[in-house]
Amino acid sequence: WVLDAAFRQTYAWHQAGISNPLAVNLSAADLRDPKLLDHIRNGFATWGSEPDDMQFELTEGALMEDPAGAFETLSKLKSLGVKLLIDDFNEPLQAGQKIFSA
């Protein structure tokens, strides 16, 4: 429901003449959800949003629960043209470097 609310909000902002990306946090469970990409694609199609309208934030901890699976999902998200942000650097930087060097 959070994604639906985010897409509705970006639509409302566009209607009001506001162009500002909305950041949505994705959890480790979200990254494992096989329907995540379809849900995001459908949100873009339904609400007429552009990839620049959304940013997805992930914690390093969420990425490290399943690095290979996270990398696959992140690659697919990136292919949609969205911006990906890591919002938690409380863990050693080397953990994130493992994902992005794969």
N, C-alpha and C. Protein backbone atom coordinates (compact mmCIF):
# COMPACT_ATOMS: atom_id res chain seq x y z
N TRP A 1 0.81 -1.20 0.00
CA TRP A 1 0.00 0.00 0.00
C TRP A 1 0.85 1.26 0.00
N VAL A 2 2.09 1.17 0.51
CA VAL A 2 2.97 2.33 0.53
C VAL A 2 3.32 2.78 -0.89
N LEU A 3 3.61 1.82 -1.76
CA LEU A 3 3.89 2.18 -3.15
C LEU A 3 2.69 2.86 -3.81
N ASP A 4 1.51 2.33 -3.56
CA ASP A 4 0.31 2.95 -4.12
C ASP A 4 0.16 4.39 -3.64
N ALA A 5 0.39 4.60 -2.36
CA ALA A 5 0.30 5.95 -1.80
C ALA A 5 1.36 6.86 -2.40
N ALA A 6 2.56 6.32 -2.61
CA ALA A 6 3.64 7.12 -3.20
C ALA A 6 3.30 7.53 -4.63
N PHE A 7 2.78 6.61 -5.42
CA PHE A 7 2.40 6.95 -6.79
C PHE A 7 1.25 7.97 -6.80
N ARG A 8 0.29 7.81 -5.91
CA ARG A 8 -0.82 8.79 -5.81
C ARG A 8 -0.27 10.16 -5.46
N GLN A 9 0.70 10.20 -4.54
CA GLN A 9 1.26 11.49 -4.11
C GLN A 9 2.01 12.17 -5.24
N THR A 10 2.81 11.42 -5.99
CA THR A 10 3.53 12.05 -7.11
C THR A 10 2.55 12.56 -8.15
N TYR A 11 1.46 11.84 -8.36
CA TYR A 11 0.43 12.31 -9.28
C TYR A 11 -0.17 13.63 -8.79
N ALA A 12 -0.50 13.68 -7.50
CA ALA A 12 -1.07 14.90 -6.92
C ALA A 12 -0.10 16.06 -7.05
N TRP A 13 1.17 15.81 -6.79
CA TRP A 13 2.16 16.87 -6.93
C TRP A 13 2.23 17.38 -8.37
N HIS A 14 2.22 16.46 -9.32
CA HIS A 14 2.25 16.88 -10.72
C HIS A 14 1.03 17.73 -11.07
N GLN A 15 -0.13 17.33 -10.56
CA GLN A 15 -1.35 18.10 -10.81
C GLN A 15 -1.26 19.50 -10.22
N ALA A 16 -0.51 19.62 -9.13
CA ALA A 16 -0.34 20.91 -8.47
C ALA A 16 0.86 21.69 -9.03
N GLY A 17 1.53 21.12 -10.03
CA GLY A 17 2.67 21.80 -10.63
C GLY A 17 3.98 21.63 -9.87
N ILE A 18 4.01 20.66 -8.98
CA ILE A 18 5.21 20.41 -8.19
C ILE A 18 5.98 19.24 -8.81
N SER A 19 7.24 19.47 -9.07
CA SER A 19 8.10 18.42 -9.61
C SER A 19 9.18 18.10 -8.58
N ASN A 20 8.93 17.07 -7.80
CA ASN A 20 9.84 16.70 -6.73
C ASN A 20 9.83 15.18 -6.60
N PRO A 21 10.99 14.51 -6.64
CA PRO A 21 10.96 13.05 -6.50
C PRO A 21 10.57 12.64 -5.09
N LEU A 22 9.90 11.53 -5.00
CA LEU A 22 9.47 10.98 -3.72
C LEU A 22 10.32 9.75 -3.43
N ALA A 23 10.91 9.69 -2.25
CA ALA A 23 11.74 8.56 -1.85
C ALA A 23 10.89 7.54 -1.09
N VAL A 24 11.03 6.29 -1.49
CA VAL A 24 10.31 5.19 -0.85
C VAL A 24 11.33 4.20 -0.33
N ASN A 25 11.22 3.84 0.94
CA ASN A 25 12.11 2.84 1.54
C ASN A 25 11.67 1.44 1.12
N LEU A 26 12.63 0.63 0.72
CA LEU A 26 12.37 -0.77 0.41
C LEU A 26 13.09 -1.64 1.44
N SER A 27 12.38 -2.58 2.00
CA SER A 27 12.94 -3.49 3.01
C SER A 27 13.55 -4.72 2.34
N ALA A 28 14.20 -5.55 3.14
CA ALA A 28 14.73 -6.81 2.62
C ALA A 28 13.59 -7.67 2.08
N ALA A 29 12.45 -7.66 2.77
CA ALA A 29 11.30 -8.43 2.28
C ALA A 29 10.82 -7.89 0.94
N ASP A 30 10.82 -6.57 0.78
CA ASP A 30 10.43 -5.99 -0.51
C ASP A 30 11.35 -6.46 -1.62
N LEU A 31 12.65 -6.50 -1.34
CA LEU A 31 13.63 -6.91 -2.35
C LEU A 31 13.44 -8.37 -2.75
N ARG A 32 12.91 -9.18 -1.85
CA ARG A 32 12.67 -10.60 -2.14
C ARG A 32 11.31 -10.84 -2.80
N ASP A 33 10.44 -9.84 -2.80
CA ASP A 33 9.09 -10.00 -3.33
C ASP A 33 9.14 -10.13 -4.85
N PRO A 34 8.72 -11.28 -5.39
CA PRO A 34 8.76 -11.46 -6.84
C PRO A 34 7.81 -10.54 -7.60
N LYS A 35 6.87 -9.93 -6.91
CA LYS A 35 5.91 -9.04 -7.56
C LYS A 35 6.32 -7.56 -7.48
N LEU A 36 7.44 -7.26 -6.83
CA LEU A 36 7.85 -5.87 -6.63
C LEU A 36 7.97 -5.11 -7.94
N LEU A 37 8.70 -5.65 -8.89
CA LEU A 37 8.93 -4.94 -10.15
C LEU A 37 7.64 -4.74 -10.92
N ASP A 38 6.78 -5.75 -10.93
CA ASP A 38 5.48 -5.59 -11.61
C ASP A 38 4.65 -4.51 -10.95
N HIS A 39 4.70 -4.48 -9.62
CA HIS A 39 3.93 -3.47 -8.88
C HIS A 39 4.44 -2.05 -9.23
N ILE A 40 5.74 -1.90 -9.32
CA ILE A 40 6.32 -0.60 -9.65
C ILE A 40 5.99 -0.23 -11.10
N ARG A 41 6.14 -1.18 -12.01
CA ARG A 41 5.78 -0.92 -13.42
C ARG A 41 4.31 -0.51 -13.53
N ASN A 42 3.45 -1.22 -12.84
CA ASN A 42 2.01 -0.90 -12.88
C ASN A 42 1.74 0.48 -12.30
N GLY A 43 2.47 0.84 -11.25
CA GLY A 43 2.31 2.18 -10.67
C GLY A 43 2.67 3.27 -11.66
N PHE A 44 3.78 3.07 -12.37
CA PHE A 44 4.16 4.04 -13.40
C PHE A 44 3.09 4.15 -14.47
N ALA A 45 2.58 3.01 -14.92
CA ALA A 45 1.58 2.99 -15.99
C ALA A 45 0.25 3.59 -15.51
N THR A 46 -0.20 3.20 -14.34
CA THR A 46 -1.49 3.65 -13.82
C THR A 46 -1.51 5.15 -13.55
N TRP A 47 -0.46 5.66 -12.94
CA TRP A 47 -0.44 7.06 -12.50
C TRP A 47 0.29 7.98 -13.47
N GLY A 48 0.83 7.42 -14.56
CA GLY A 48 1.53 8.26 -15.54
C GLY A 48 2.80 8.85 -14.99
N SER A 49 3.38 8.19 -14.02
CA SER A 49 4.62 8.68 -13.40
C SER A 49 5.82 8.35 -14.28
N GLU A 50 6.86 9.11 -14.08
CA GLU A 50 8.14 8.88 -14.76
C GLU A 50 9.15 8.37 -13.73
N PRO A 51 10.18 7.66 -14.18
CA PRO A 51 11.19 7.17 -13.23
C PRO A 51 11.81 8.27 -12.37
N ASP A 52 11.92 9.47 -12.91
CA ASP A 52 12.49 10.57 -12.11
C ASP A 52 11.59 10.99 -10.95
N ASP A 53 10.33 10.54 -10.97
CA ASP A 53 9.39 10.90 -9.91
C ASP A 53 9.62 10.10 -8.62
N MET A 54 10.32 8.97 -8.73
CA MET A 54 10.50 8.08 -7.58
C MET A 54 11.96 7.78 -7.35
N GLN A 55 12.31 7.67 -6.09
CA GLN A 55 13.63 7.20 -5.67
C GLN A 55 13.39 6.08 -4.67
N PHE A 56 14.21 5.07 -4.73
CA PHE A 56 14.06 3.95 -3.81
C PHE A 56 15.27 3.89 -2.89
N GLU A 57 14.99 3.90 -1.58
CA GLU A 57 16.03 3.87 -0.56
C GLU A 57 16.10 2.48 0.04
N LEU A 58 17.31 2.03 0.24
CA LEU A 58 17.55 0.71 0.82
C LEU A 58 18.58 0.83 1.91
N THR A 59 18.46 -0.01 2.92
CA THR A 59 19.50 -0.03 3.94
C THR A 59 20.56 -1.04 3.53
N GLU A 60 21.77 -0.80 3.98
CA GLU A 60 22.84 -1.75 3.68
C GLU A 60 22.52 -3.11 4.29
N GLY A 61 21.88 -3.09 5.45
CA GLY A 61 21.50 -4.35 6.09
C GLY A 61 20.53 -5.16 5.24
N ALA A 62 19.57 -4.47 4.62
CA ALA A 62 18.62 -5.16 3.75
C ALA A 62 19.33 -5.77 2.55
N LEU A 63 20.31 -5.05 2.04
CA LEU A 63 21.06 -5.54 0.88
C LEU A 63 21.87 -6.78 1.24
N MET A 64 22.39 -6.82 2.45
CA MET A 64 23.30 -7.90 2.83
C MET A 64 22.57 -9.17 3.27
N GLU A 65 21.26 -9.12 3.45
CA GLU A 65 20.54 -10.35 3.83
C GLU A 65 20.63 -11.38 2.72
N ASP A 66 20.60 -10.93 1.47
CA ASP A 66 20.73 -11.81 0.31
C ASP A 66 21.41 -11.00 -0.79
N PRO A 67 22.74 -10.86 -0.73
CA PRO A 67 23.43 -9.99 -1.68
C PRO A 67 23.17 -10.33 -3.15
N ALA A 68 23.18 -11.59 -3.50
CA ALA A 68 22.97 -11.97 -4.90
C ALA A 68 21.55 -11.62 -5.35
N GLY A 69 20.58 -11.94 -4.52
CA GLY A 69 19.19 -11.62 -4.85
C GLY A 69 18.96 -10.12 -4.89
N ALA A 70 19.57 -9.40 -3.95
CA ALA A 70 19.44 -7.94 -3.91
C ALA A 70 20.04 -7.33 -5.17
N PHE A 71 21.21 -7.82 -5.58
CA PHE A 71 21.86 -7.29 -6.77
C PHE A 71 20.98 -7.51 -8.00
N GLU A 72 20.37 -8.68 -8.10
CA GLU A 72 19.48 -8.96 -9.23
C GLU A 72 18.28 -8.00 -9.24
N THR A 73 17.66 -7.83 -8.09
CA THR A 73 16.51 -6.93 -8.00
C THR A 73 16.92 -5.49 -8.28
N LEU A 74 18.05 -5.05 -7.72
CA LEU A 74 18.52 -3.69 -7.95
C LEU A 74 18.83 -3.44 -9.42
N SER A 75 19.40 -4.43 -10.08
CA SER A 75 19.68 -4.30 -11.51
C SER A 75 18.40 -4.11 -12.30
N LYS A 76 17.38 -4.87 -11.94
CA LYS A 76 16.08 -4.74 -12.62
C LYS A 76 15.43 -3.39 -12.31
N LEU A 77 15.53 -2.95 -11.07
CA LEU A 77 14.99 -1.64 -10.72
C LEU A 77 15.71 -0.55 -11.50
N LYS A 78 17.02 -0.66 -11.57
CA LYS A 78 17.81 0.34 -12.29
C LYS A 78 17.44 0.37 -13.77
N SER A 79 17.10 -0.79 -14.33
CA SER A 79 16.70 -0.83 -15.74
C SER A 79 15.39 -0.09 -15.99
N LEU A 80 14.62 0.14 -14.92
CA LEU A 80 13.39 0.94 -15.05
C LEU A 80 13.71 2.43 -15.10
N GLY A 81 14.95 2.78 -14.76
CA GLY A 81 15.36 4.18 -14.80
C GLY A 81 15.20 4.93 -13.51
N VAL A 82 14.90 4.22 -12.41
CA VAL A 82 14.73 4.89 -11.13
C VAL A 82 16.08 5.10 -10.46
N LYS A 83 16.10 6.03 -9.52
CA LYS A 83 17.31 6.30 -8.75
C LYS A 83 17.28 5.44 -7.49
N LEU A 84 18.41 4.82 -7.18
CA LEU A 84 18.54 3.97 -6.00
C LEU A 84 19.48 4.64 -5.01
N LEU A 85 19.09 4.65 -3.75
CA LEU A 85 19.88 5.30 -2.70
C LEU A 85 20.08 4.33 -1.55
N ILE A 86 21.26 4.34 -0.97
CA ILE A 86 21.50 3.58 0.26
C ILE A 86 21.43 4.57 1.39
N ASP A 87 20.52 4.34 2.34
CA ASP A 87 20.28 5.34 3.38
C ASP A 87 20.80 4.95 4.75
N ASP A 88 21.62 3.91 4.84
CA ASP A 88 22.10 3.48 6.15
C ASP A 88 23.54 3.03 6.04
N PHE A 89 24.43 3.83 6.60
CA PHE A 89 25.83 3.47 6.55
C PHE A 89 26.35 3.12 7.94
N ASN A 90 25.51 2.53 8.77
CA ASN A 90 25.93 2.14 10.11
C ASN A 90 26.76 0.87 10.09
N GLU A 91 26.70 0.13 9.00
CA GLU A 91 27.48 -1.09 8.88
C GLU A 91 28.77 -0.78 8.13
N PRO A 92 29.74 -1.66 8.20
CA PRO A 92 31.00 -1.40 7.50
C PRO A 92 30.77 -1.20 6.00
N LEU A 93 31.47 -0.25 5.42
CA LEU A 93 31.34 0.07 4.01
C LEU A 93 31.65 -1.13 3.13
N GLN A 94 32.51 -2.02 3.58
CA GLN A 94 32.90 -3.16 2.77
C GLN A 94 31.68 -4.00 2.38
N ALA A 95 30.67 -4.04 3.21
CA ALA A 95 29.48 -4.83 2.90
C ALA A 95 28.82 -4.33 1.62
N GLY A 96 28.65 -3.03 1.48
CA GLY A 96 28.05 -2.47 0.29
C GLY A 96 28.95 -2.63 -0.92
N GLN A 97 30.25 -2.56 -0.71
CA GLN A 97 31.18 -2.72 -1.82
C GLN A 97 31.09 -4.12 -2.42
N LYS A 98 30.77 -5.11 -1.61
CA LYS A 98 30.62 -6.48 -2.12
C LYS A 98 29.50 -6.56 -3.14
N ILE A 99 28.41 -5.87 -2.89
CA ILE A 99 27.26 -5.92 -3.79
C ILE A 99 27.59 -5.21 -5.10
N PHE A 100 28.12 -4.02 -4.99
CA PHE A 100 28.30 -3.20 -6.18
C PHE A 100 29.51 -3.60 -7.02
N SER A 101 30.39 -4.44 -6.48
CA SER A 101 31.51 -4.91 -7.27
C SER A 101 31.20 -6.24 -7.94
N ALA A 102 30.04 -6.84 -7.61
CA ALA A 102 29.65 -8.15 -8.18
C ALA A 102 29.29 -8.02 -9.64
